[in-house]
Amino acid sequence: MEDTPQKPAKTEPSPTHSPAPSPAPSPVPSPLLERIALPTANHVEHLNVNQIQVVVRRCSTPNVTEETTYFIPRNTVVDAGTNTDPPVVCCPLLRRFCPCPPRGLLASLVTKVLLAAVLFGVVWSITEDECLPGGNLFGITILFICALIGGKVVALIRLPKLPPFPPLLGMLLMGFLLRNIPVVTDGVYINFRWSASLRNIALAVILARAGLGLDPKALRKLKSVCVRVAAGPCLIEATTTALVSHFLMGLPWVWGFILGFVLGAVSPAVVVPSMLQLQKDGFGVEQGIPTLLMAAGSFDDILAITGFTTCLGMAFATGSTWYNLLRGLLEVAGGMVAGILLGFLIQYFPSVDQKHLVMKRSFLVLGLSVFAVFGSGVAGFPGSGGLCTLVLAFLAGLGWGAEKVHVEEVVGWAWDVFQPLLFGLIGAEIRVSELEGLAVGLGIASLLIALLVRVLFTFVCVLRAGFNLKEKVFIALAWMPKATVQAAIGSTALDMARTKDDEDQKKYGMDVLTVAVLAILLTAPVGALIIGLCGPRLLQRPKASACGERVKPNLSAFFLGTAAGGEDDTETPVTFESTL
């Protein structure tokens, strides 16, 4: 706006009957009025929509009143964000969805694309061909993104009154598709050493998470039924698998037990969400069934991993059978001793008075876990790394007490990153062109026979536990899904066989991996469906009392051997949750 003095557009004296007054002095223009741009004389009577007419009256004398008319332009609304006049927008709808400068979702998308472009530029300038199609970094990035998308898509599949499908199925299938589509396979290439290293890191994260998740109070208060459910089915399935695979698939005994312990672990990724959904709806809560299965799942996995690492060390050891057996026991003992020492070390270092305590503890737990898994292989004792990781994480969490929850969150973030990589890489290891129909059929047969024996033995384990027939059937069927542990350790034997460059061992390792992937594809979705469908039909909801209030869960008959509804009804009921 130009600072030019303006003259009044119109001045009219008020008509009065008094005698003519003396000439009044001309009014002094106000500084504010000097900054107001007035229209020219021929535009006075035609107001614009952006102008305001202001009439100013002056009384120079009691008998004379002067009126002055000014035209003031309207001030446009000032943008509060940028303190500037908004741009002229011809289409309000376009301005609504595409503001300028961009904000909201559009600005977030542009920012993420810019960050990805800058990151790609930095990595490309350092690694050059590795991040281009055909390079390892390019293949890992594409696999990670596709696995994430596959997991999100599978998680969106919701059936009424059923728990959601585990996202790991989508991750596994995306890796399988990337490996078996001819055009895509050439561009998405990942060296087996890179793939093995990433899977071992994921294994270390899983073991650290399992060790931190163990509750020492629950360990001291576990009843015999939880121990039977955790240990019995795992050992029976491992033994059955070793026996069947030795005669059907031609695996050596030690490789048969490797496959057995791979299949013997139940999947928390499938069981825990399904049990939480049933617990939310009240099914089986009175009998403590969801809590029983969730608590026993952790110990089942630890037992399977310990047995797997012991047999793995024996399979790649050279010497007599008794020497290999003794070597396996020594690896177990060495892993426990190393885990105890490292666990007590990170209990006190860093000390509680240091800054960024959670991040330092999380770094030490994850770093020592990865070091234990990789270092044990370098030292020639591959069976001790996993057990060392479990022990050090458990002892560290025991010393930290309630503060370990924050470390568990950080480890959970690490698992969120490596979970898509783990399942995507496991799926990418399966090549349809290299599979033999007979081997696949025999593997499925061995898997089904082992599952049948596991279900029957689980039913036997809960015979005298205070459950009715329907609840026993549900526990036996729910103790079947497999996913996480199979993906973590299923390819470990194959990776070690590739480093040894032994053709027979590579064949055995591929058989183990194939059956592990088949177990995930068959039992994970079927197990989730069985739990979701059979839970409301086989489990009971808490009964209502005469006053309309819900009866508190009473498991005194389950733990103490007293009759339900007896003399102890007036006392505080003993629940499975309170016992744990």
Protein backbone atom coordinates (compact mmCIF):
# COMPACT_ATOMS: atom_id res chain seq x y z
CA MET A 1 0.00 0.00 0.00
CA GLU A 2 1.45 3.34 -1.01
CA ASP A 3 1.79 6.10 1.55
CA THR A 4 0.23 8.94 -0.47
CA PRO A 5 -1.87 11.65 1.15
CA GLN A 6 -5.48 11.53 0.10
CA LYS A 7 -8.00 14.31 -0.08
CA PRO A 8 -11.52 13.94 1.20
CA ALA A 9 -13.87 12.82 -1.50
CA LYS A 10 -16.83 14.93 -0.44
CA THR A 11 -17.47 17.79 2.04
CA GLU A 12 -20.92 19.14 2.74
CA PRO A 13 -21.80 21.71 5.43
CA SER A 14 -24.92 21.01 7.43
CA PRO A 15 -27.76 23.45 6.61
CA THR A 16 -28.77 25.69 9.55
CA HIS A 17 -30.79 28.95 9.96
CA SER A 18 -28.10 30.65 12.02
CA PRO A 19 -26.15 33.50 10.56
CA ALA A 20 -23.13 32.72 8.44
CA PRO A 21 -20.27 31.78 10.63
CA SER A 22 -16.76 32.86 10.27
CA PRO A 23 -14.57 30.64 8.10
CA ALA A 24 -13.35 27.69 10.08
CA PRO A 25 -9.80 26.53 9.86
CA SER A 26 -9.26 23.53 7.62
CA PRO A 27 -8.95 20.28 9.62
CA VAL A 28 -5.53 18.81 10.03
CA PRO A 29 -5.38 15.41 8.27
CA SER A 30 -4.84 12.45 10.59
CA PRO A 31 -1.77 10.26 10.04
CA LEU A 32 -4.09 7.22 9.84
CA LEU A 33 -6.17 8.84 7.15
CA GLU A 34 -3.07 9.68 5.18
CA ARG A 35 -2.36 5.91 4.78
CA ILE A 36 -5.85 5.17 3.42
CA ALA A 37 -5.94 4.95 -0.37
CA LEU A 38 -9.14 6.51 -1.65
CA PRO A 39 -10.70 5.93 -5.02
CA THR A 40 -10.72 8.60 -7.65
CA ALA A 41 -13.61 10.98 -8.06
CA ASN A 42 -15.36 9.01 -10.79
CA HIS A 43 -15.48 5.90 -8.57
CA VAL A 44 -16.95 7.56 -5.48
CA GLU A 45 -20.54 6.63 -6.07
CA HIS A 46 -19.81 3.03 -7.19
CA LEU A 47 -18.51 1.06 -4.22
CA ASN A 48 -16.42 -2.04 -4.71
CA VAL A 49 -17.10 -5.15 -2.59
CA ASN A 50 -13.63 -4.75 -1.12
CA GLN A 51 -14.26 -1.14 0.07
CA ILE A 52 -15.88 0.23 3.20
CA GLN A 53 -17.53 3.67 3.26
CA VAL A 54 -16.72 5.70 6.40
CA VAL A 55 -18.37 9.01 7.19
CA VAL A 56 -16.51 11.29 9.62
CA ARG A 57 -18.37 14.22 11.21
CA ARG A 58 -16.59 17.25 12.65
CA CYS A 59 -18.05 20.07 14.77
CA SER A 60 -15.73 23.02 14.32
CA THR A 61 -18.26 25.35 15.98
CA PRO A 62 -21.47 24.65 17.82
CA ASN A 63 -23.50 25.63 14.76
CA VAL A 64 -21.41 24.10 11.97
CA THR A 65 -20.94 20.36 11.30
CA GLU A 66 -18.76 18.99 8.52
CA GLU A 67 -19.09 15.54 7.05
CA THR A 68 -16.21 13.81 5.27
CA THR A 69 -16.59 10.49 3.44
CA TYR A 70 -13.68 8.06 3.16
CA PHE A 71 -13.44 4.75 1.32
CA ILE A 72 -11.28 2.17 3.16
CA PRO A 73 -10.24 -1.07 1.45
CA ARG A 74 -11.11 -4.32 3.23
CA ASN A 75 -8.18 -6.14 4.85
CA THR A 76 -7.91 -9.77 3.72
CA VAL A 77 -7.63 -12.45 6.35
CA VAL A 78 -4.04 -12.99 7.42
CA ASP A 79 -2.76 -16.57 7.55
CA ALA A 80 -1.99 -17.35 11.21
CA GLY A 81 0.55 -20.03 10.29
CA THR A 82 2.77 -17.93 8.02
CA ASN A 83 1.62 -14.38 9.01
CA THR A 84 1.13 -13.58 5.33
CA ASP A 85 -1.78 -12.99 3.05
CA PRO A 86 -3.21 -16.30 1.75
CA PRO A 87 -2.74 -17.04 -1.93
CA VAL A 88 -5.59 -16.51 -4.30
CA VAL A 89 -7.23 -19.89 -4.88
CA CYS A 90 -9.59 -20.32 -7.73
CA CYS A 91 -10.96 -23.69 -6.52
CA PRO A 92 -11.77 -24.10 -2.79
CA LEU A 93 -12.02 -27.88 -3.22
CA LEU A 94 -8.50 -28.04 -4.62
CA ARG A 95 -7.25 -25.89 -1.77
CA ARG A 96 -8.89 -28.21 0.74
CA PHE A 97 -7.19 -31.39 -0.50
CA CYS A 98 -3.95 -29.87 -1.80
CA PRO A 99 -3.07 -26.88 0.38
CA CYS A 100 -0.11 -24.77 -0.50
CA PRO A 101 2.31 -25.13 1.19
CA PRO A 102 1.35 -28.80 1.79
CA ARG A 103 0.26 -29.84 5.27
CA GLY A 104 -1.21 -32.86 7.01
CA LEU A 105 -1.20 -36.20 5.21
CA LEU A 106 0.22 -34.80 1.98
CA ALA A 107 3.11 -33.11 3.79
CA SER A 108 3.80 -36.31 5.76
CA LEU A 109 3.91 -38.34 2.56
CA VAL A 110 6.23 -35.89 0.85
CA THR A 111 8.50 -35.86 3.92
CA LYS A 112 8.75 -39.66 4.01
CA VAL A 113 9.51 -39.84 0.31
CA LEU A 114 12.18 -37.18 0.75
CA LEU A 115 13.75 -39.02 3.69
CA ALA A 116 13.76 -42.29 1.74
CA ALA A 117 15.33 -40.58 -1.26
CA VAL A 118 18.06 -38.99 0.88
CA LEU A 119 18.74 -42.31 2.63
CA PHE A 120 18.96 -44.11 -0.71
CA GLY A 121 21.32 -41.46 -2.03
CA VAL A 122 23.63 -41.76 0.97
CA VAL A 123 23.66 -45.56 0.85
CA TRP A 124 24.17 -45.59 -2.92
CA SER A 125 27.08 -43.20 -2.66
CA ILE A 126 28.74 -45.57 -0.16
CA THR A 127 27.84 -49.04 -1.46
CA GLU A 128 27.17 -48.28 -5.14
CA ASP A 129 25.97 -51.52 -6.77
CA GLU A 130 24.78 -53.18 -3.54
CA CYS A 131 21.66 -51.00 -3.38
CA LEU A 132 20.79 -51.38 -7.06
CA PRO A 133 18.65 -54.23 -8.49
CA GLY A 134 20.61 -57.44 -8.08
CA GLY A 135 22.44 -56.21 -4.97
CA ASN A 136 22.00 -57.50 -1.44
CA LEU A 137 20.78 -54.25 0.10
CA PHE A 138 18.22 -53.78 -2.66
CA GLY A 139 16.94 -57.33 -2.18
CA ILE A 140 16.71 -57.00 1.61
CA THR A 141 14.83 -53.69 1.31
CA ILE A 142 12.32 -55.04 -1.22
CA LEU A 143 11.82 -58.19 0.86
CA PHE A 144 11.26 -56.15 4.03
CA ILE A 145 8.70 -53.85 2.40
CA CYS A 146 6.83 -56.71 0.72
CA ALA A 147 6.79 -58.73 3.96
CA LEU A 148 5.34 -55.76 5.82
CA ILE A 149 2.64 -55.30 3.20
CA GLY A 150 1.84 -59.02 3.24
CA GLY A 151 1.53 -59.03 7.01
CA LYS A 152 -0.77 -55.99 6.98
CA VAL A 153 -3.01 -57.54 4.32
CA VAL A 154 -3.37 -60.84 6.21
CA ALA A 155 -4.04 -58.97 9.46
CA LEU A 156 -6.96 -57.19 7.76
CA ILE A 157 -8.70 -60.51 7.08
CA ARG A 158 -11.28 -60.71 9.83
CA LEU A 159 -13.92 -63.39 10.21
CA PRO A 160 -16.82 -62.82 12.60
CA LYS A 161 -16.28 -64.24 16.09
CA LEU A 162 -12.80 -65.47 15.19
CA PRO A 163 -9.36 -64.18 16.15
CA PRO A 164 -7.42 -62.45 13.36
CA PHE A 165 -5.05 -64.47 11.23
CA PRO A 166 -1.41 -64.14 12.28
CA PRO A 167 0.43 -61.59 10.07
CA LEU A 168 3.43 -63.90 9.84
CA LEU A 169 1.56 -65.95 7.23
CA GLY A 170 1.54 -62.99 4.85
CA MET A 171 5.23 -62.34 5.49
CA LEU A 172 6.08 -65.98 4.78
CA LEU A 173 4.04 -66.10 1.58
CA MET A 174 5.54 -62.85 0.26
CA GLY A 175 9.05 -64.24 0.68
CA PHE A 176 8.00 -67.44 -1.07
CA LEU A 177 6.52 -65.48 -3.99
CA LEU A 178 9.57 -63.24 -4.39
CA ARG A 179 11.80 -66.31 -4.62
CA ASN A 180 9.65 -68.26 -7.11
CA ILE A 181 8.53 -65.57 -9.60
CA PRO A 182 11.07 -65.81 -12.47
CA VAL A 183 11.39 -62.12 -13.33
CA VAL A 184 11.42 -60.91 -9.73
CA THR A 185 13.91 -63.53 -8.55
CA ASP A 186 16.71 -62.09 -10.67
CA GLY A 187 16.27 -58.59 -9.27
CA VAL A 188 15.66 -59.57 -5.62
CA TYR A 189 18.90 -61.36 -4.82
CA ILE A 190 20.18 -61.97 -1.29
CA ASN A 191 23.41 -63.83 -0.65
CA PHE A 192 22.98 -66.81 1.69
CA ARG A 193 25.54 -65.38 4.12
CA TRP A 194 23.56 -62.15 4.42
CA SER A 195 20.36 -64.13 4.84
CA ALA A 196 21.86 -66.42 7.49
CA SER A 197 23.25 -63.46 9.44
CA LEU A 198 19.91 -61.66 9.50
CA ARG A 199 18.08 -64.81 10.61
CA ASN A 200 20.61 -65.37 13.40
CA ILE A 201 20.13 -61.80 14.59
CA ALA A 202 16.37 -62.41 14.65
CA LEU A 203 16.99 -65.61 16.62
CA ALA A 204 19.06 -63.67 19.17
CA VAL A 205 16.25 -61.11 19.54
CA ILE A 206 13.68 -63.88 20.07
CA LEU A 207 15.83 -65.58 22.72
CA ALA A 208 16.47 -62.30 24.55
CA ARG A 209 12.77 -61.53 24.51
CA ALA A 210 11.93 -65.00 25.84
CA GLY A 211 14.49 -64.71 28.64
CA LEU A 212 13.23 -61.30 29.73
CA GLY A 213 9.64 -62.53 29.63
CA LEU A 214 10.17 -65.30 32.19
CA ASP A 215 8.57 -64.52 35.53
CA PRO A 216 10.58 -65.87 38.49
CA LYS A 217 7.50 -65.79 40.76
CA ALA A 218 5.60 -67.92 38.27
CA LEU A 219 8.53 -70.33 38.11
CA ARG A 220 8.40 -70.86 41.87
CA LYS A 221 4.62 -71.26 41.97
CA LEU A 222 4.07 -73.40 38.88
CA LYS A 223 1.98 -76.44 39.59
CA SER A 224 2.51 -79.90 38.19
CA VAL A 225 -0.10 -79.51 35.45
CA CYS A 226 1.71 -76.54 33.90
CA VAL A 227 5.02 -78.42 34.00
CA ARG A 228 3.41 -81.45 32.38
CA VAL A 229 1.81 -79.38 29.61
CA ALA A 230 5.05 -77.46 28.96
CA ALA A 231 7.50 -80.38 28.91
CA GLY A 232 5.59 -83.56 28.11
CA PRO A 233 4.14 -82.82 24.64
CA CYS A 234 7.38 -81.19 23.44
CA LEU A 235 9.55 -84.18 24.38
CA ILE A 236 7.06 -86.73 23.06
CA GLU A 237 6.68 -84.91 19.73
CA ALA A 238 10.46 -84.57 19.33
CA THR A 239 10.96 -88.29 20.00
CA THR A 240 8.12 -89.28 17.65
CA THR A 241 9.40 -87.03 14.88
CA ALA A 242 12.92 -88.45 15.20
CA LEU A 243 11.59 -91.99 15.03
CA VAL A 244 9.25 -91.40 12.07
CA SER A 245 11.65 -89.23 10.06
CA HIS A 246 14.45 -91.78 10.49
CA PHE A 247 12.40 -94.51 8.83
CA LEU A 248 10.30 -92.44 6.42
CA MET A 249 12.66 -89.67 5.32
CA GLY A 250 15.99 -91.43 5.89
CA LEU A 251 17.37 -88.82 8.31
CA PRO A 252 20.14 -89.84 10.74
CA TRP A 253 19.09 -90.08 14.36
CA VAL A 254 20.69 -86.80 15.40
CA TRP A 255 19.12 -84.99 12.45
CA GLY A 256 15.81 -86.60 13.30
CA PHE A 257 16.00 -85.12 16.80
CA ILE A 258 16.97 -81.74 15.31
CA LEU A 259 13.77 -81.85 13.26
CA GLY A 260 11.85 -83.08 16.29
CA PHE A 261 12.90 -80.19 18.51
CA VAL A 262 12.23 -77.73 15.69
CA LEU A 263 8.66 -79.02 15.48
CA GLY A 264 8.24 -79.49 19.23
CA ALA A 265 7.85 -75.80 20.07
CA VAL A 266 4.43 -74.17 20.14
CA SER A 267 4.04 -70.68 18.68
CA PRO A 268 3.31 -67.80 21.09
CA ALA A 269 2.52 -65.60 18.06
CA VAL A 270 -0.59 -67.72 17.41
CA VAL A 271 -1.55 -69.01 20.86
CA VAL A 272 -1.24 -65.82 22.90
CA PRO A 273 -3.52 -63.52 20.79
CA SER A 274 -6.15 -66.27 20.54
CA MET A 275 -6.05 -66.92 24.29
CA LEU A 276 -6.32 -63.21 25.05
CA GLN A 277 -9.43 -62.99 22.88
CA LEU A 278 -11.04 -65.92 24.73
CA GLN A 279 -10.03 -64.43 28.06
CA LYS A 280 -11.60 -61.12 27.07
CA ASP A 281 -14.88 -62.89 26.28
CA GLY A 282 -14.74 -64.86 29.53
CA PHE A 283 -14.32 -68.35 28.07
CA GLY A 284 -12.31 -70.66 30.30
CA VAL A 285 -11.35 -67.90 32.74
CA GLU A 286 -13.00 -69.65 35.67
CA GLN A 287 -10.86 -72.73 35.02
CA GLY A 288 -7.71 -70.72 34.22
CA ILE A 289 -7.22 -72.31 30.79
CA PRO A 290 -6.00 -69.19 28.86
CA THR A 291 -3.47 -68.36 31.56
CA LEU A 292 -2.32 -71.99 31.74
CA LEU A 293 -1.56 -72.17 28.02
CA MET A 294 0.11 -68.75 27.86
CA ALA A 295 2.35 -69.54 30.84
CA ALA A 296 3.30 -73.00 29.61
CA GLY A 297 4.09 -71.73 26.11
CA SER A 298 7.26 -69.92 27.15
CA PHE A 299 8.73 -72.96 28.92
CA ASP A 300 7.78 -75.19 26.00
CA ASP A 301 9.76 -72.97 23.62
CA ILE A 302 12.80 -72.78 25.91
CA LEU A 303 12.89 -76.56 26.25
CA ALA A 304 12.67 -77.01 22.48
CA ILE A 305 15.42 -74.47 21.78
CA THR A 306 17.71 -76.03 24.38
CA GLY A 307 17.23 -79.49 22.90
CA PHE A 308 17.75 -78.15 19.39
CA THR A 309 21.03 -76.41 20.20
CA THR A 310 22.34 -79.53 21.98
CA CYS A 311 21.56 -81.79 19.01
CA LEU A 312 22.92 -79.20 16.59
CA GLY A 313 26.31 -79.25 18.31
CA MET A 314 26.34 -83.04 18.18
CA ALA A 315 25.43 -83.13 14.47
CA PHE A 316 28.41 -81.03 13.38
CA ALA A 317 30.94 -82.46 15.80
CA THR A 318 33.53 -84.95 14.62
CA GLY A 319 34.36 -88.08 16.60
CA SER A 320 32.63 -91.01 18.16
CA THR A 321 29.03 -91.02 19.30
CA TRP A 322 29.93 -90.94 22.99
CA TYR A 323 32.32 -88.06 22.39
CA ASN A 324 29.62 -86.12 20.55
CA LEU A 325 27.15 -86.77 23.36
CA LEU A 326 29.65 -85.58 25.94
CA ARG A 327 30.43 -82.58 23.76
CA GLY A 328 26.75 -81.67 23.61
CA LEU A 329 26.45 -81.80 27.39
CA LEU A 330 29.58 -79.67 27.73
CA GLU A 331 28.11 -77.09 25.35
CA VAL A 332 24.97 -76.91 27.48
CA ALA A 333 27.01 -76.47 30.65
CA GLY A 334 29.30 -73.91 29.03
CA GLY A 335 26.37 -71.89 27.72
CA MET A 336 24.76 -71.80 31.15
CA VAL A 337 27.99 -70.73 32.88
CA ALA A 338 28.65 -67.97 30.33
CA GLY A 339 25.04 -66.81 30.59
CA ILE A 340 25.22 -66.66 34.39
CA LEU A 341 28.41 -64.59 34.33
CA LEU A 342 27.14 -62.16 31.71
CA GLY A 343 23.72 -61.92 33.38
CA PHE A 344 25.20 -60.93 36.73
CA LEU A 345 27.53 -58.48 34.96
CA ILE A 346 24.76 -56.48 33.30
CA GLN A 347 22.70 -56.55 36.48
CA TYR A 348 25.08 -54.01 38.01
CA PHE A 349 26.56 -52.31 34.95
CA PRO A 350 25.38 -49.77 34.03
CA SER A 351 24.62 -48.60 37.55
CA VAL A 352 21.26 -47.11 38.45
CA ASP A 353 22.68 -43.57 38.84
CA GLN A 354 23.69 -43.28 35.18
CA LYS A 355 21.77 -41.40 32.51
CA HIS A 356 19.94 -43.15 29.67
CA LEU A 357 19.81 -46.30 31.75
CA VAL A 358 17.15 -48.07 29.65
CA MET A 359 18.96 -47.56 26.37
CA LYS A 360 22.27 -48.78 27.81
CA ARG A 361 20.68 -51.87 29.29
CA SER A 362 18.81 -52.61 26.08
CA PHE A 363 21.97 -52.23 24.03
CA LEU A 364 23.89 -54.58 26.32
CA VAL A 365 21.16 -57.24 26.28
CA LEU A 366 20.77 -57.19 22.51
CA GLY A 367 24.48 -56.83 21.85
CA LEU A 368 25.49 -59.69 24.14
CA SER A 369 22.69 -61.86 22.72
CA VAL A 370 23.89 -61.36 19.16
CA PHE A 371 27.48 -61.85 20.25
CA ALA A 372 26.61 -65.11 22.03
CA VAL A 373 24.80 -66.53 18.99
CA PHE A 374 27.54 -65.59 16.51
CA GLY A 375 30.50 -66.05 18.85
CA SER A 376 29.53 -69.59 19.80
CA GLY A 377 29.59 -70.57 16.13
CA VAL A 378 32.99 -68.96 15.61
CA ALA A 379 34.36 -70.71 18.72
CA GLY A 380 33.14 -74.09 17.48
CA PHE A 381 30.39 -74.53 20.08
CA PRO A 382 27.21 -73.61 18.18
CA GLY A 383 24.92 -75.28 20.70
CA SER A 384 25.86 -72.99 23.60
CA GLY A 385 24.93 -69.60 22.14
CA GLY A 386 21.15 -69.90 22.41
CA LEU A 387 21.18 -71.17 25.99
CA CYS A 388 23.66 -68.46 26.98
CA THR A 389 21.31 -65.82 25.60
CA LEU A 390 18.30 -67.20 27.49
CA VAL A 391 20.17 -67.37 30.81
CA LEU A 392 21.77 -63.92 30.61
CA ALA A 393 18.48 -62.25 29.66
CA PHE A 394 16.62 -64.03 32.46
CA LEU A 395 19.19 -63.13 35.13
CA ALA A 396 19.40 -59.53 33.92
CA GLY A 397 15.62 -59.15 34.15
CA LEU A 398 15.68 -60.81 37.58
CA GLY A 399 18.11 -58.20 38.86
CA TRP A 400 16.30 -55.24 37.30
CA GLY A 401 12.94 -56.15 38.78
CA ALA A 402 10.02 -54.06 37.57
CA GLU A 403 12.33 -51.81 35.53
CA LYS A 404 12.88 -54.60 32.99
CA VAL A 405 9.53 -53.66 31.42
CA HIS A 406 11.15 -50.70 29.67
CA VAL A 407 13.93 -52.92 28.32
CA GLU A 408 11.30 -55.37 27.08
CA GLU A 409 9.69 -52.54 25.12
CA VAL A 410 12.96 -51.74 23.35
CA VAL A 411 13.55 -55.42 22.57
CA GLY A 412 9.98 -55.56 21.27
CA TRP A 413 10.76 -52.70 18.87
CA ALA A 414 13.77 -54.67 17.61
CA TRP A 415 11.54 -57.70 17.06
CA ASP A 416 9.07 -55.57 15.09
CA VAL A 417 11.91 -54.81 12.66
CA PHE A 418 13.34 -58.31 12.38
CA GLN A 419 10.06 -60.24 12.31
CA PRO A 420 9.25 -59.34 8.65
CA LEU A 421 12.85 -60.09 7.69
CA LEU A 422 12.84 -63.45 9.47
CA PHE A 423 9.62 -64.81 7.95
CA GLY A 424 10.33 -63.26 4.55
CA LEU A 425 13.79 -64.83 4.43
CA ILE A 426 12.45 -68.20 5.56
CA GLY A 427 9.87 -68.14 2.77
CA ALA A 428 12.53 -67.09 0.27
CA GLU A 429 14.60 -70.19 1.10
CA ILE A 430 11.98 -72.48 -0.45
CA ARG A 431 12.39 -72.99 -4.18
CA VAL A 432 9.65 -74.92 -5.93
CA SER A 433 12.05 -76.11 -8.62
CA GLU A 434 14.28 -77.81 -6.01
CA LEU A 435 11.50 -79.55 -4.08
CA GLU A 436 10.92 -83.25 -4.56
CA GLY A 437 7.36 -84.48 -4.41
CA LEU A 438 8.28 -87.62 -2.50
CA ALA A 439 10.27 -85.68 0.10
CA VAL A 440 7.43 -83.21 0.60
CA GLY A 441 4.88 -85.99 0.96
CA LEU A 442 7.01 -87.88 3.47
CA GLY A 443 7.62 -84.65 5.39
CA ILE A 444 3.89 -83.94 5.61
CA ALA A 445 3.25 -87.51 6.73
CA SER A 446 5.90 -87.24 9.47
CA LEU A 447 4.44 -83.92 10.57
CA LEU A 448 0.87 -85.24 10.79
CA ILE A 449 1.90 -88.35 12.72
CA ALA A 450 3.88 -86.26 15.21
CA LEU A 451 0.97 -83.84 15.62
CA LEU A 452 -1.45 -86.68 16.30
CA VAL A 453 0.83 -88.12 18.99
CA ARG A 454 1.27 -84.65 20.50
CA VAL A 455 -2.47 -84.01 20.70
CA LEU A 456 -3.13 -87.40 22.32
CA PHE A 457 -0.32 -87.01 24.85
CA THR A 458 -1.45 -83.48 25.75
CA PHE A 459 -4.88 -84.93 26.48
CA VAL A 460 -3.22 -87.50 28.76
CA CYS A 461 -1.22 -84.77 30.57
CA VAL A 462 -4.39 -82.98 31.72
CA LEU A 463 -6.41 -86.08 32.67
CA ARG A 464 -6.17 -85.54 36.44
CA ALA A 465 -6.06 -81.74 36.40
CA GLY A 466 -9.68 -81.01 37.31
CA PHE A 467 -10.95 -80.22 33.80
CA ASN A 468 -14.02 -81.73 32.17
CA LEU A 469 -13.89 -83.64 28.89
CA LYS A 470 -14.56 -80.64 26.62
CA GLU A 471 -11.86 -78.56 28.29
CA LYS A 472 -9.32 -81.36 27.94
CA VAL A 473 -10.10 -81.67 24.23
CA PHE A 474 -9.69 -77.91 23.78
CA ILE A 475 -6.31 -77.83 25.55
CA ALA A 476 -5.07 -80.72 23.41
CA LEU A 477 -6.16 -79.02 20.16
CA ALA A 478 -4.94 -75.56 21.15
CA TRP A 479 -1.45 -76.90 21.95
CA MET A 480 -0.66 -77.44 18.26
CA PRO A 481 0.15 -74.22 16.27
CA LYS A 482 3.73 -73.62 15.16
CA ALA A 483 5.31 -70.52 13.66
CA THR A 484 7.87 -68.29 15.42
CA VAL A 485 10.40 -70.79 16.78
CA GLN A 486 10.22 -72.87 13.59
CA ALA A 487 11.09 -69.80 11.52
CA ALA A 488 13.89 -68.81 13.90
CA ILE A 489 15.73 -72.14 14.15
CA GLY A 490 14.43 -74.02 11.11
CA SER A 491 17.18 -72.77 8.81
CA THR A 492 20.05 -72.74 11.32
CA ALA A 493 21.13 -76.29 10.52
CA LEU A 494 21.05 -75.56 6.77
CA ASP A 495 23.16 -72.43 7.25
CA MET A 496 25.80 -74.37 9.19
CA ALA A 497 25.79 -77.13 6.57
CA ARG A 498 26.45 -74.54 3.86
CA THR A 499 29.42 -73.19 5.77
CA LYS A 500 30.81 -76.74 6.10
CA ASP A 501 30.11 -77.34 2.37
CA ASP A 502 28.89 -80.87 3.04
CA GLU A 503 26.34 -82.04 0.45
CA ASP A 504 24.73 -84.68 2.67
CA GLN A 505 24.30 -82.27 5.55
CA LYS A 506 22.91 -79.62 3.18
CA LYS A 507 20.30 -82.13 2.02
CA TYR A 508 19.35 -82.95 5.61
CA GLY A 509 19.22 -79.23 6.44
CA MET A 510 16.93 -78.55 3.47
CA ASP A 511 14.61 -81.37 4.59
CA VAL A 512 14.42 -79.85 8.07
CA LEU A 513 13.69 -76.40 6.66
CA THR A 514 11.03 -77.71 4.26
CA VAL A 515 9.14 -79.54 6.99
CA ALA A 516 9.41 -76.47 9.27
CA VAL A 517 7.86 -74.23 6.59
CA LEU A 518 5.12 -76.78 5.93
CA ALA A 519 4.41 -76.89 9.66
CA ILE A 520 4.00 -73.10 9.73
CA LEU A 521 1.71 -73.05 6.69
CA LEU A 522 -0.47 -75.90 7.95
CA THR A 523 -0.68 -75.42 11.72
CA ALA A 524 -0.63 -71.62 12.14
CA PRO A 525 -3.92 -70.80 10.33
CA VAL A 526 -5.58 -74.10 11.27
CA GLY A 527 -4.60 -73.66 14.91
CA ALA A 528 -5.95 -70.10 15.01
CA LEU A 529 -9.24 -71.27 13.47
CA ILE A 530 -9.53 -74.24 15.86
CA ILE A 531 -8.99 -72.03 18.90
CA GLY A 532 -11.46 -69.42 17.64
CA LEU A 533 -14.16 -71.94 16.70
CA CYS A 534 -13.80 -74.51 19.48
CA GLY A 535 -13.18 -72.08 22.34
CA PRO A 536 -16.77 -70.73 22.64
CA ARG A 537 -18.18 -74.27 22.18
CA LEU A 538 -15.92 -76.24 24.49
CA LEU A 539 -15.13 -73.72 27.25
CA GLN A 540 -17.46 -72.30 29.87
CA ARG A 541 -18.12 -68.73 30.84
CA PRO A 542 -18.23 -67.70 34.53
CA LYS A 543 -21.59 -68.52 36.08
CA ALA A 544 -23.81 -65.81 37.57
CA SER A 545 -24.84 -65.90 41.22
CA ALA A 546 -28.36 -65.45 42.52
CA CYS A 547 -27.79 -61.72 43.00
CA GLY A 548 -26.77 -61.33 39.39
CA GLU A 549 -23.09 -60.89 40.20
CA ARG A 550 -20.40 -62.95 38.54
CA VAL A 551 -18.92 -65.71 40.67
CA LYS A 552 -15.21 -65.36 41.29
CA PRO A 553 -13.09 -68.04 39.61
CA ASN A 554 -12.56 -70.94 42.03
CA LEU A 555 -9.83 -73.44 41.30
CA SER A 556 -9.43 -74.84 44.79
CA ALA A 557 -10.52 -78.23 43.52
CA PHE A 558 -7.95 -77.88 40.75
CA PHE A 559 -4.98 -77.08 42.98
CA LEU A 560 -5.94 -78.21 46.50
CA GLY A 561 -8.10 -81.22 45.79
CA THR A 562 -11.20 -79.83 47.59
CA ALA A 563 -14.70 -80.28 46.26
CA ALA A 564 -16.31 -77.36 44.53
CA GLY A 565 -19.13 -75.83 46.46
CA GLY A 566 -18.00 -77.33 49.78
CA GLU A 567 -17.12 -75.81 53.08
CA ASP A 568 -14.44 -73.58 51.63
CA ASP A 569 -16.89 -71.51 49.61
CA THR A 570 -16.85 -68.71 52.15
CA GLU A 571 -13.08 -68.32 51.85
CA THR A 572 -11.21 -66.39 49.20
CA PRO A 573 -11.12 -68.61 46.09
CA VAL A 574 -7.78 -69.77 44.75
CA THR A 575 -7.50 -68.88 41.06
CA PHE A 576 -4.93 -69.92 38.52
CA GLU A 577 -4.12 -66.25 37.89
CA SER A 578 -3.53 -65.54 41.58
CA THR A 579 -1.38 -68.65 41.88
CA LEU A 580 0.83 -67.49 39.01
